[in-house]
Amino acid sequence: MTAKRVAAIDCGTNSTRLLIAEPSDGAPGFTILDRRMRITRLGQGVNATKLLAPEAIERTAVVLREYRAAMDEYGVHEVRITATSAARDAANREDFFSVAKEIVGVEPELLSGDEEARLSFRGATADLDPADGPFLIVDIGGGSTEFVAGTSEPEGALSVDMGCVRITEQELHHDPPQAEELSIALSLIDAYLDDVDREVPGAANARTFVGLAGTITTVAAVEIGLAEYDRDRIHHFRLTRAAAEDVFRTLATESHDDRLANPGLEPERADVIVGGCCVLVSIFRHWGFDECLVSEADILDGLVHSLLE
């Protein structure tokens, strides 16, 4: 008999991602059958309009059709599809939800920032040694960034309305960004991190800073110089503060087209990566971390764990 196969889909502000998995044979955890990421920019303009753009919904729908075909091919038994920051902010989210339900077969779950943070924590810490804790799990998304502190269980969590797309659309209006724009963005982010200190006291005392999602994996890929994506080289790569600052300086002073010459930078991410870097370097500076443990295990992994319980 075929093992129970499950799928998780995360419809984020910048990307739409899929994970198909089945239980590992006689071992804890699960076996990954398929993992995909597509830049769909569902949150295009949401920060200003509070609406999901029709073309953004259509771009995401095209990818969901691709994912539905993959799930059918693998014989998926159960799926969870979630929507996060862009959908939380959009007054017309039901327009997207109805399209997604028609394609996938189940309605997207609108996750609160706290739910998103806790699922990210579960996914990221499943293969970590508790002795390396307490951890600060940071998921830099397109519209929001989630902070979760804890060792075996989340002990504090906060979702903050800053991400690579939101910071770019809100503050970085030139190509490359002007020094004043970068300074304003960094100051804004640091003020948000003061909120994290108040709401997540364990953040400042974390032993290990674990970074999730596309901004951080992209900075790692650029630092390594990866011409082609390689999950095994990215997952649990140790990104130093000095390396992150170096990548930030390089990308922030290049034009969009010049940025594309950096191995490891996906073309679809080139317009928002500097905004994401602003968040990442601010975290290093605010808490004085020397390095970030880059994780490819995230909210999707947390969702799959929930389906296989």
C-alpha atoms as a PDB file:
ATOM      1  CA  MET A   1       0.000   0.000   0.000  1.00  0.00           C
ATOM      2  CA  THR A   2       1.309   3.465  -0.893  1.00  0.00           C
ATOM      3  CA  ALA A   3       2.200   5.587   2.126  1.00  0.00           C
ATOM      4  CA  LYS A   4      -0.010   8.545   2.882  1.00  0.00           C
ATOM      5  CA  ARG A   5       1.150  11.391   0.686  1.00  0.00           C
ATOM      6  CA  VAL A   6       0.441  14.966   1.694  1.00  0.00           C
ATOM      7  CA  ALA A   7       1.069  18.413   0.276  1.00  0.00           C
ATOM      8  CA  ALA A   8       1.475  21.910   1.647  1.00  0.00           C
ATOM      9  CA  ILE A   9       1.137  25.104  -0.387  1.00  0.00           C
ATOM     10  CA  ASP A  10       2.143  28.504   0.945  1.00  0.00           C
ATOM     11  CA  CYS A  11       0.804  31.543  -0.934  1.00  0.00           C
ATOM     12  CA  GLY A  12       3.074  34.329   0.251  1.00  0.00           C
ATOM     13  CA  THR A  13       3.445  37.957  -0.723  1.00  0.00           C
ATOM     14  CA  ASN A  14       6.381  37.265  -3.050  1.00  0.00           C
ATOM     15  CA  SER A  15       6.343  33.544  -3.815  1.00  0.00           C
ATOM     16  CA  THR A  16       4.028  30.536  -3.991  1.00  0.00           C
ATOM     17  CA  ARG A  17       5.620  27.310  -2.792  1.00  0.00           C
ATOM     18  CA  LEU A  18       4.778  23.608  -2.748  1.00  0.00           C
ATOM     19  CA  LEU A  19       6.003  20.672  -0.677  1.00  0.00           C
ATOM     20  CA  ILE A  20       4.849  17.095  -1.330  1.00  0.00           C
ATOM     21  CA  ALA A  21       5.971  14.473   1.178  1.00  0.00           C
ATOM     22  CA  GLU A  22       5.290  11.071   2.676  1.00  0.00           C
ATOM     23  CA  PRO A  23       6.247   9.512   6.038  1.00  0.00           C
ATOM     24  CA  SER A  24       9.811   8.260   6.274  1.00  0.00           C
ATOM     25  CA  ASP A  25      10.032   4.471   6.397  1.00  0.00           C
ATOM     26  CA  GLY A  26      10.438   3.539  10.069  1.00  0.00           C
ATOM     27  CA  ALA A  27      11.948   6.897  10.972  1.00  0.00           C
ATOM     28  CA  PRO A  28      10.668  10.176  12.374  1.00  0.00           C
ATOM     29  CA  GLY A  29      10.039  13.015   9.984  1.00  0.00           C
ATOM     30  CA  PHE A  30       9.149  12.660   6.338  1.00  0.00           C
ATOM     31  CA  THR A  31      10.575  12.095   2.881  1.00  0.00           C
ATOM     32  CA  ILE A  32      10.393  14.990   0.441  1.00  0.00           C
ATOM     33  CA  LEU A  33       8.964  13.926  -2.918  1.00  0.00           C
ATOM     34  CA  ASP A  34       8.740  17.340  -4.572  1.00  0.00           C
ATOM     35  CA  ARG A  35       9.531  20.885  -3.527  1.00  0.00           C
ATOM     36  CA  ARG A  36       8.902  23.896  -5.767  1.00  0.00           C
ATOM     37  CA  MET A  37       9.002  27.669  -5.564  1.00  0.00           C
ATOM     38  CA  ARG A  38       7.690  30.211  -8.043  1.00  0.00           C
ATOM     39  CA  ILE A  39       7.866  34.005  -7.751  1.00  0.00           C
ATOM     40  CA  THR A  40       4.249  35.149  -8.222  1.00  0.00           C
ATOM     41  CA  ARG A  41       4.258  38.510  -6.366  1.00  0.00           C
ATOM     42  CA  LEU A  42       0.713  38.029  -5.053  1.00  0.00           C
ATOM     43  CA  GLY A  43       1.274  41.083  -2.854  1.00  0.00           C
ATOM     44  CA  GLN A  44       2.033  43.430  -5.754  1.00  0.00           C
ATOM     45  CA  GLY A  45       0.930  46.909  -4.632  1.00  0.00           C
ATOM     46  CA  VAL A  46      -1.061  45.615  -1.626  1.00  0.00           C
ATOM     47  CA  ASN A  47       0.788  47.863   0.814  1.00  0.00           C
ATOM     48  CA  ALA A  48      -0.590  50.920  -1.018  1.00  0.00           C
ATOM     49  CA  THR A  49      -3.968  49.747  -2.352  1.00  0.00           C
ATOM     50  CA  LYS A  50      -5.027  47.106   0.235  1.00  0.00           C
ATOM     51  CA  LEU A  51      -6.209  45.046  -2.756  1.00  0.00           C
ATOM     52  CA  LEU A  52      -4.852  42.002  -4.573  1.00  0.00           C
ATOM     53  CA  ALA A  53      -4.258  42.992  -8.205  1.00  0.00           C
ATOM     54  CA  PRO A  54      -6.134  40.878 -10.799  1.00  0.00           C
ATOM     55  CA  GLU A  55      -2.873  40.123 -12.626  1.00  0.00           C
ATOM     56  CA  ALA A  56      -1.263  38.989  -9.357  1.00  0.00           C
ATOM     57  CA  ILE A  57      -4.174  36.618  -8.686  1.00  0.00           C
ATOM     58  CA  GLU A  58      -3.856  35.249 -12.235  1.00  0.00           C
ATOM     59  CA  ARG A  59      -0.076  34.719 -11.916  1.00  0.00           C
ATOM     60  CA  THR A  60      -0.655  32.782  -8.716  1.00  0.00           C
ATOM     61  CA  ALA A  61      -3.525  30.797 -10.257  1.00  0.00           C
ATOM     62  CA  VAL A  62      -1.239  29.645 -13.098  1.00  0.00           C
ATOM     63  CA  VAL A  63       1.237  28.278 -10.549  1.00  0.00           C
ATOM     64  CA  LEU A  64      -1.527  26.647  -8.475  1.00  0.00           C
ATOM     65  CA  ARG A  65      -2.655  24.767 -11.608  1.00  0.00           C
ATOM     66  CA  GLU A  66       0.907  23.507 -12.011  1.00  0.00           C
ATOM     67  CA  TYR A  67       0.950  22.419  -8.362  1.00  0.00           C
ATOM     68  CA  ARG A  68      -2.460  20.700  -8.661  1.00  0.00           C
ATOM     69  CA  ALA A  69      -1.098  18.655 -11.574  1.00  0.00           C
ATOM     70  CA  ALA A  70       1.952  17.675  -9.513  1.00  0.00           C
ATOM     71  CA  MET A  71      -0.227  16.625  -6.572  1.00  0.00           C
ATOM     72  CA  ASP A  72      -2.353  14.487  -8.896  1.00  0.00           C
ATOM     73  CA  GLU A  73       0.775  12.902 -10.332  1.00  0.00           C
ATOM     74  CA  TYR A  74       2.032  11.937  -6.877  1.00  0.00           C
ATOM     75  CA  GLY A  75      -1.380  10.783  -5.654  1.00  0.00           C
ATOM     76  CA  VAL A  76      -1.613  13.255  -2.780  1.00  0.00           C
ATOM     77  CA  HIS A  77      -4.221  12.279  -0.157  1.00  0.00           C
ATOM     78  CA  GLU A  78      -4.476  15.543   1.782  1.00  0.00           C
ATOM     79  CA  VAL A  79      -3.399  19.148   1.301  1.00  0.00           C
ATOM     80  CA  ARG A  80      -3.185  22.334   3.331  1.00  0.00           C
ATOM     81  CA  ILE A  81      -2.939  25.628   1.471  1.00  0.00           C
ATOM     82  CA  THR A  82      -2.223  28.772   3.445  1.00  0.00           C
ATOM     83  CA  ALA A  83      -2.184  32.489   2.713  1.00  0.00           C
ATOM     84  CA  THR A  84      -0.198  34.983   4.735  1.00  0.00           C
ATOM     85  CA  SER A  85       0.677  38.688   4.787  1.00  0.00           C
ATOM     86  CA  ALA A  86      -0.660  39.867   1.405  1.00  0.00           C
ATOM     87  CA  ALA A  87      -4.000  38.120   1.944  1.00  0.00           C
ATOM     88  CA  ARG A  88      -4.214  39.409   5.525  1.00  0.00           C
ATOM     89  CA  ASP A  89      -3.900  42.969   4.222  1.00  0.00           C
ATOM     90  CA  ALA A  90      -6.201  42.668   1.181  1.00  0.00           C
ATOM     91  CA  ALA A  91      -9.861  43.617   1.339  1.00  0.00           C
ATOM     92  CA  ASN A  92     -10.608  41.419  -1.693  1.00  0.00           C
ATOM     93  CA  ARG A  93      -8.851  38.260  -0.496  1.00  0.00           C
ATOM     94  CA  GLU A  94     -12.014  36.240  -1.190  1.00  0.00           C
ATOM     95  CA  ASP A  95     -11.511  36.881  -4.922  1.00  0.00           C
ATOM     96  CA  PHE A  96      -8.252  34.951  -4.654  1.00  0.00           C
ATOM     97  CA  PHE A  97      -9.583  32.327  -2.225  1.00  0.00           C
ATOM     98  CA  SER A  98     -12.421  31.334  -4.551  1.00  0.00           C
ATOM     99  CA  VAL A  99     -10.017  30.886  -7.479  1.00  0.00           C
ATOM    100  CA  ALA A 100      -7.563  28.920  -5.331  1.00  0.00           C
ATOM    101  CA  LYS A 101     -10.289  26.628  -3.964  1.00  0.00           C
ATOM    102  CA  GLU A 102     -11.558  25.884  -7.469  1.00  0.00           C
ATOM    103  CA  ILE A 103      -8.042  24.868  -8.565  1.00  0.00           C
ATOM    104  CA  VAL A 104      -6.687  23.103  -5.485  1.00  0.00           C
ATOM    105  CA  GLY A 105      -9.911  21.673  -4.102  1.00  0.00           C
ATOM    106  CA  VAL A 106      -9.652  23.155  -0.617  1.00  0.00           C
ATOM    107  CA  GLU A 107     -10.001  26.744   0.521  1.00  0.00           C
ATOM    108  CA  PRO A 108      -6.828  28.539   1.636  1.00  0.00           C
ATOM    109  CA  GLU A 109      -6.408  29.044   5.365  1.00  0.00           C
ATOM    110  CA  LEU A 110      -5.742  32.663   6.286  1.00  0.00           C
ATOM    111  CA  LEU A 111      -2.978  32.354   8.858  1.00  0.00           C
ATOM    112  CA  SER A 112      -2.519  34.942  11.569  1.00  0.00           C
ATOM    113  CA  GLY A 113       1.012  36.227  12.012  1.00  0.00           C
ATOM    114  CA  ASP A 114       1.298  34.183  15.219  1.00  0.00           C
ATOM    115  CA  GLU A 115       0.171  30.972  13.492  1.00  0.00           C
ATOM    116  CA  GLU A 116       2.630  31.612  10.667  1.00  0.00           C
ATOM    117  CA  ALA A 117       5.445  32.134  13.163  1.00  0.00           C
ATOM    118  CA  ARG A 118       4.699  28.953  15.102  1.00  0.00           C
ATOM    119  CA  LEU A 119       4.495  26.796  11.968  1.00  0.00           C
ATOM    120  CA  SER A 120       7.826  28.240  10.817  1.00  0.00           C
ATOM    121  CA  PHE A 121       9.344  27.419  14.208  1.00  0.00           C
ATOM    122  CA  ARG A 122       8.117  23.844  14.023  1.00  0.00           C
ATOM    123  CA  GLY A 123       9.474  23.352  10.525  1.00  0.00           C
ATOM    124  CA  ALA A 124      12.840  24.971  11.192  1.00  0.00           C
ATOM    125  CA  THR A 125      13.630  23.284  14.511  1.00  0.00           C
ATOM    126  CA  ALA A 126      12.556  19.710  13.647  1.00  0.00           C
ATOM    127  CA  ASP A 127      16.090  18.744  12.596  1.00  0.00           C
ATOM    128  CA  LEU A 128      18.018  20.944  15.033  1.00  0.00           C
ATOM    129  CA  ASP A 129      19.724  19.830  18.250  1.00  0.00           C
ATOM    130  CA  PRO A 130      17.959  21.437  21.253  1.00  0.00           C
ATOM    131  CA  ALA A 131      21.421  21.801  22.818  1.00  0.00           C
ATOM    132  CA  ASP A 132      22.064  24.561  20.272  1.00  0.00           C
ATOM    133  CA  GLY A 133      19.080  26.504  21.607  1.00  0.00           C
ATOM    134  CA  PRO A 134      17.524  28.722  22.581  1.00  0.00           C
ATOM    135  CA  PHE A 135      16.821  29.665  18.980  1.00  0.00           C
ATOM    136  CA  LEU A 136      15.603  32.832  17.326  1.00  0.00           C
ATOM    137  CA  ILE A 137      13.760  31.751  14.190  1.00  0.00           C
ATOM    138  CA  VAL A 138      13.368  34.578  11.668  1.00  0.00           C
ATOM    139  CA  ASP A 139      11.247  34.169   8.528  1.00  0.00           C
ATOM    140  CA  ILE A 140      11.737  37.175   6.222  1.00  0.00           C
ATOM    141  CA  GLY A 141       8.808  37.157   3.839  1.00  0.00           C
ATOM    142  CA  GLY A 142       7.554  39.550   1.197  1.00  0.00           C
ATOM    143  CA  GLY A 143       5.079  41.446   3.360  1.00  0.00           C
ATOM    144  CA  SER A 144       5.924  40.422   6.910  1.00  0.00           C
ATOM    145  CA  THR A 145       8.718  38.973   9.008  1.00  0.00           C
ATOM    146  CA  GLU A 146       8.065  36.436  11.751  1.00  0.00           C
ATOM    147  CA  PHE A 147      10.197  36.195  14.898  1.00  0.00           C
ATOM    148  CA  VAL A 148       9.930  33.175  17.214  1.00  0.00           C
ATOM    149  CA  ALA A 149      12.112  32.431  20.240  1.00  0.00           C
ATOM    150  CA  GLY A 150      12.325  29.107  22.026  1.00  0.00           C
ATOM    151  CA  THR A 151      14.159  25.811  22.259  1.00  0.00           C
ATOM    152  CA  SER A 152      11.776  22.864  21.907  1.00  0.00           C
ATOM    153  CA  GLU A 153       8.599  24.939  21.858  1.00  0.00           C
ATOM    154  CA  PRO A 154       7.881  28.567  20.919  1.00  0.00           C
ATOM    155  CA  GLU A 155       8.190  30.759  23.997  1.00  0.00           C
ATOM    156  CA  GLY A 156       7.417  34.044  22.256  1.00  0.00           C
ATOM    157  CA  ALA A 157       6.394  35.077  18.760  1.00  0.00           C
ATOM    158  CA  LEU A 158       5.679  38.242  16.816  1.00  0.00           C
ATOM    159  CA  SER A 159       4.829  38.967  13.187  1.00  0.00           C
ATOM    160  CA  VAL A 160       5.952  42.391  11.989  1.00  0.00           C
ATOM    161  CA  ASP A 161       4.697  44.180   8.861  1.00  0.00           C
ATOM    162  CA  MET A 162       8.024  44.423   7.092  1.00  0.00           C
ATOM    163  CA  GLY A 163       9.370  42.252   4.295  1.00  0.00           C
ATOM    164  CA  CYS A 164      11.340  42.469   1.079  1.00  0.00           C
ATOM    165  CA  VAL A 165       8.397  43.588  -1.062  1.00  0.00           C
ATOM    166  CA  ARG A 166       6.850  45.937   1.500  1.00  0.00           C
ATOM    167  CA  ILE A 167      10.134  47.695   2.347  1.00  0.00           C
ATOM    168  CA  THR A 168      10.979  48.044  -1.343  1.00  0.00           C
ATOM    169  CA  GLU A 169       7.591  49.467  -2.341  1.00  0.00           C
ATOM    170  CA  GLN A 170       7.433  51.722   0.708  1.00  0.00           C
ATOM    171  CA  GLU A 171      10.969  53.118   0.928  1.00  0.00           C
ATOM    172  CA  LEU A 172      13.281  52.201  -1.977  1.00  0.00           C
ATOM    173  CA  HIS A 173      12.157  54.237  -4.973  1.00  0.00           C
ATOM    174  CA  HIS A 174      15.370  54.594  -6.987  1.00  0.00           C
ATOM    175  CA  ASP A 175      17.575  52.115  -8.863  1.00  0.00           C
ATOM    176  CA  PRO A 176      19.933  51.647  -7.172  1.00  0.00           C
ATOM    177  CA  PRO A 177      18.408  52.944  -3.930  1.00  0.00           C
ATOM    178  CA  GLN A 178      19.687  56.285  -2.708  1.00  0.00           C
ATOM    179  CA  ALA A 179      21.712  56.379   0.511  1.00  0.00           C
ATOM    180  CA  GLU A 180      18.963  58.380   2.234  1.00  0.00           C
ATOM    181  CA  GLU A 181      16.340  55.776   1.243  1.00  0.00           C
ATOM    182  CA  LEU A 182      18.481  52.979   2.669  1.00  0.00           C
ATOM    183  CA  SER A 183      19.069  54.944   5.867  1.00  0.00           C
ATOM    184  CA  ILE A 184      15.325  55.546   6.343  1.00  0.00           C
ATOM    185  CA  ALA A 185      14.547  51.870   5.659  1.00  0.00           C
ATOM    186  CA  LEU A 186      17.166  50.686   8.164  1.00  0.00           C
ATOM    187  CA  SER A 187      15.887  53.098  10.830  1.00  0.00           C
ATOM    188  CA  LEU A 188      12.304  51.944  10.281  1.00  0.00           C
ATOM    189  CA  ILE A 189      13.309  48.295  10.577  1.00  0.00           C
ATOM    190  CA  ASP A 190      15.318  48.939  13.738  1.00  0.00           C
ATOM    191  CA  ALA A 191      12.239  50.528  15.329  1.00  0.00           C
ATOM    192  CA  TYR A 192      10.289  47.368  14.496  1.00  0.00           C
ATOM    193  CA  LEU A 193      13.034  45.298  16.127  1.00  0.00           C
ATOM    194  CA  ASP A 194      12.546  47.329  19.316  1.00  0.00           C
ATOM    195  CA  ASP A 195       8.954  46.011  19.231  1.00  0.00           C
ATOM    196  CA  VAL A 196      10.324  42.473  18.957  1.00  0.00           C
ATOM    197  CA  ASP A 197      12.472  43.080  22.052  1.00  0.00           C
ATOM    198  CA  ARG A 198       9.351  44.080  23.995  1.00  0.00           C
ATOM    199  CA  GLU A 199       7.114  41.256  22.736  1.00  0.00           C
ATOM    200  CA  VAL A 200       9.688  38.439  22.403  1.00  0.00           C
ATOM    201  CA  PRO A 201      12.105  38.876  25.322  1.00  0.00           C
ATOM    202  CA  GLY A 202      13.984  35.693  24.378  1.00  0.00           C
ATOM    203  CA  ALA A 203      15.142  37.183  21.081  1.00  0.00           C
ATOM    204  CA  ALA A 204      18.089  39.008  22.625  1.00  0.00           C
ATOM    205  CA  ASN A 205      19.254  35.905  24.518  1.00  0.00           C
ATOM    206  CA  ALA A 206      19.080  33.410  21.645  1.00  0.00           C
ATOM    207  CA  ARG A 207      22.133  31.230  21.196  1.00  0.00           C
ATOM    208  CA  THR A 208      21.419  30.455  17.533  1.00  0.00           C
ATOM    209  CA  PHE A 209      19.887  32.779  14.932  1.00  0.00           C
ATOM    210  CA  VAL A 210      18.093  30.637  12.332  1.00  0.00           C
ATOM    211  CA  GLY A 211      17.069  32.357   9.103  1.00  0.00           C
ATOM    212  CA  LEU A 212      14.326  31.152   6.742  1.00  0.00           C
ATOM    213  CA  ALA A 213      12.872  32.025   3.353  1.00  0.00           C
ATOM    214  CA  GLY A 214      14.007  33.522   0.067  1.00  0.00           C
ATOM    215  CA  THR A 215      15.878  36.638   1.160  1.00  0.00           C
ATOM    216  CA  ILE A 216      18.203  34.701   3.439  1.00  0.00           C
ATOM    217  CA  THR A 217      18.687  31.703   1.148  1.00  0.00           C
ATOM    218  CA  THR A 218      19.403  34.116  -1.723  1.00  0.00           C
ATOM    219  CA  VAL A 219      22.030  36.031   0.264  1.00  0.00           C
ATOM    220  CA  ALA A 220      23.618  32.677   1.129  1.00  0.00           C
ATOM    221  CA  ALA A 221      23.540  31.588  -2.518  1.00  0.00           C
ATOM    222  CA  VAL A 222      25.165  34.860  -3.625  1.00  0.00           C
ATOM    223  CA  GLU A 223      27.827  34.510  -0.935  1.00  0.00           C
ATOM    224  CA  ILE A 224      28.580  30.936  -2.040  1.00  0.00           C
ATOM    225  CA  GLY A 225      28.366  31.924  -5.722  1.00  0.00           C
ATOM    226  CA  LEU A 226      25.869  29.210  -6.624  1.00  0.00           C
ATOM    227  CA  ALA A 227      25.227  29.267 -10.346  1.00  0.00           C
ATOM    228  CA  GLU A 228      22.447  26.699  -9.860  1.00  0.00           C
ATOM    229  CA  TYR A 229      20.228  26.174  -6.843  1.00  0.00           C
ATOM    230  CA  ASP A 230      21.503  23.408  -4.536  1.00  0.00           C
ATOM    231  CA  ARG A 231      19.384  22.789  -1.455  1.00  0.00           C
ATOM    232  CA  ASP A 232      22.045  20.651   0.226  1.00  0.00           C
ATOM    233  CA  ARG A 233      24.603  23.473   0.062  1.00  0.00           C
ATOM    234  CA  ILE A 234      22.144  26.090   1.306  1.00  0.00           C
ATOM    235  CA  HIS A 235      20.475  24.122   4.132  1.00  0.00           C
ATOM    236  CA  HIS A 236      22.374  24.777   7.379  1.00  0.00           C
ATOM    237  CA  PHE A 237      24.966  26.967   5.682  1.00  0.00           C
ATOM    238  CA  ARG A 238      26.447  29.353   8.231  1.00  0.00           C
ATOM    239  CA  LEU A 239      26.134  32.889   6.894  1.00  0.00           C
ATOM    240  CA  THR A 240      28.420  35.243   8.788  1.00  0.00           C
ATOM    241  CA  ARG A 241      27.489  38.793   9.617  1.00  0.00           C
ATOM    242  CA  ALA A 242      30.491  40.050   7.615  1.00  0.00           C
ATOM    243  CA  ALA A 243      29.369  38.080   4.544  1.00  0.00           C
ATOM    244  CA  ALA A 244      25.789  39.360   4.819  1.00  0.00           C
ATOM    245  CA  GLU A 245      27.022  42.954   5.090  1.00  0.00           C
ATOM    246  CA  ASP A 246      29.281  42.421   2.061  1.00  0.00           C
ATOM    247  CA  VAL A 247      26.452  41.033  -0.080  1.00  0.00           C
ATOM    248  CA  PHE A 248      24.203  43.916   1.051  1.00  0.00           C
ATOM    249  CA  ARG A 249      26.805  46.537   0.088  1.00  0.00           C
ATOM    250  CA  THR A 250      27.271  44.922  -3.317  1.00  0.00           C
ATOM    251  CA  LEU A 251      23.592  44.540  -4.195  1.00  0.00           C
ATOM    252  CA  ALA A 252      22.525  47.923  -2.778  1.00  0.00           C
ATOM    253  CA  THR A 253      25.018  49.839  -4.934  1.00  0.00           C
ATOM    254  CA  GLU A 254      24.230  48.002  -8.185  1.00  0.00           C
ATOM    255  CA  SER A 255      21.402  48.732 -10.580  1.00  0.00           C
ATOM    256  CA  HIS A 256      18.758  46.075 -11.144  1.00  0.00           C
ATOM    257  CA  ASP A 257      20.409  44.874 -14.357  1.00  0.00           C
ATOM    258  CA  ASP A 258      23.898  44.768 -12.842  1.00  0.00           C
ATOM    259  CA  ARG A 259      22.571  42.784  -9.884  1.00  0.00           C
ATOM    260  CA  LEU A 260      21.562  40.001 -12.267  1.00  0.00           C
ATOM    261  CA  ALA A 261      25.245  39.186 -12.847  1.00  0.00           C
ATOM    262  CA  ASN A 262      25.559  37.832  -9.279  1.00  0.00           C
ATOM    263  CA  PRO A 263      25.435  34.009  -9.288  1.00  0.00           C
ATOM    264  CA  GLY A 264      22.727  32.818  -6.889  1.00  0.00           C
ATOM    265  CA  LEU A 265      20.324  35.717  -7.461  1.00  0.00           C
ATOM    266  CA  GLU A 266      17.107  34.722  -9.218  1.00  0.00           C
ATOM    267  CA  PRO A 267      16.092  37.346 -11.801  1.00  0.00           C
ATOM    268  CA  GLU A 268      12.559  37.570 -10.335  1.00  0.00           C
ATOM    269  CA  ARG A 269      13.988  38.508  -6.936  1.00  0.00           C
ATOM    270  CA  ALA A 270      16.420  41.176  -8.135  1.00  0.00           C
ATOM    271  CA  ASP A 271      14.013  44.087  -7.636  1.00  0.00           C
ATOM    272  CA  VAL A 272      13.244  43.305  -3.977  1.00  0.00           C
ATOM    273  CA  ILE A 273      16.425  41.667  -2.662  1.00  0.00           C
ATOM    274  CA  VAL A 274      17.870  44.953  -1.348  1.00  0.00           C
ATOM    275  CA  GLY A 275      14.740  45.498   0.747  1.00  0.00           C
ATOM    276  CA  GLY A 276      15.163  42.003   2.155  1.00  0.00           C
ATOM    277  CA  CYS A 277      18.852  42.627   2.825  1.00  0.00           C
ATOM    278  CA  CYS A 278      17.895  45.716   4.830  1.00  0.00           C
ATOM    279  CA  VAL A 279      15.882  43.488   7.160  1.00  0.00           C
ATOM    280  CA  LEU A 280      18.620  40.859   7.419  1.00  0.00           C
ATOM    281  CA  VAL A 281      21.524  43.190   8.200  1.00  0.00           C
ATOM    282  CA  SER A 282      19.367  45.122  10.668  1.00  0.00           C
ATOM    283  CA  ILE A 283      18.795  41.886  12.602  1.00  0.00           C
ATOM    284  CA  PHE A 284      22.537  41.166  12.698  1.00  0.00           C
ATOM    285  CA  ARG A 285      23.263  44.705  13.880  1.00  0.00           C
ATOM    286  CA  HIS A 286      20.402  44.981  16.388  1.00  0.00           C
ATOM    287  CA  TRP A 287      21.249  41.822  18.349  1.00  0.00           C
ATOM    288  CA  GLY A 288      24.926  41.469  17.484  1.00  0.00           C
ATOM    289  CA  PHE A 289      24.722  37.962  16.049  1.00  0.00           C
ATOM    290  CA  ASP A 290      27.962  36.725  14.468  1.00  0.00           C
ATOM    291  CA  GLU A 291      26.264  34.308  12.095  1.00  0.00           C
ATOM    292  CA  CYS A 292      22.942  33.007  10.826  1.00  0.00           C
ATOM    293  CA  LEU A 293      22.164  29.315  10.410  1.00  0.00           C
ATOM    294  CA  VAL A 294      20.354  29.245   7.051  1.00  0.00           C
ATOM    295  CA  SER A 295      17.438  26.815   6.944  1.00  0.00           C
ATOM    296  CA  GLU A 296      15.518  25.480   3.955  1.00  0.00           C
ATOM    297  CA  ALA A 297      13.004  23.939   6.404  1.00  0.00           C
ATOM    298  CA  ASP A 298      10.228  26.401   7.136  1.00  0.00           C
ATOM    299  CA  ILE A 299       6.455  26.889   7.266  1.00  0.00           C
ATOM    300  CA  LEU A 300       5.897  24.261   4.545  1.00  0.00           C
ATOM    301  CA  ASP A 301       7.681  21.679   6.685  1.00  0.00           C
ATOM    302  CA  GLY A 302       5.594  22.718   9.687  1.00  0.00           C
ATOM    303  CA  LEU A 303       2.418  22.242   7.636  1.00  0.00           C
ATOM    304  CA  VAL A 304       3.518  18.790   6.464  1.00  0.00           C
ATOM    305  CA  HIS A 305       4.308  17.750  10.051  1.00  0.00           C
ATOM    306  CA  SER A 306       0.764  18.783  11.014  1.00  0.00           C
ATOM    307  CA  LEU A 307      -0.728  16.658   8.222  1.00  0.00           C
ATOM    308  CA  LEU A 308       1.279  13.549   9.150  1.00  0.00           C
ATOM    309  CA  GLU A 309       0.513  13.627  12.886  1.00  0.00           C
END
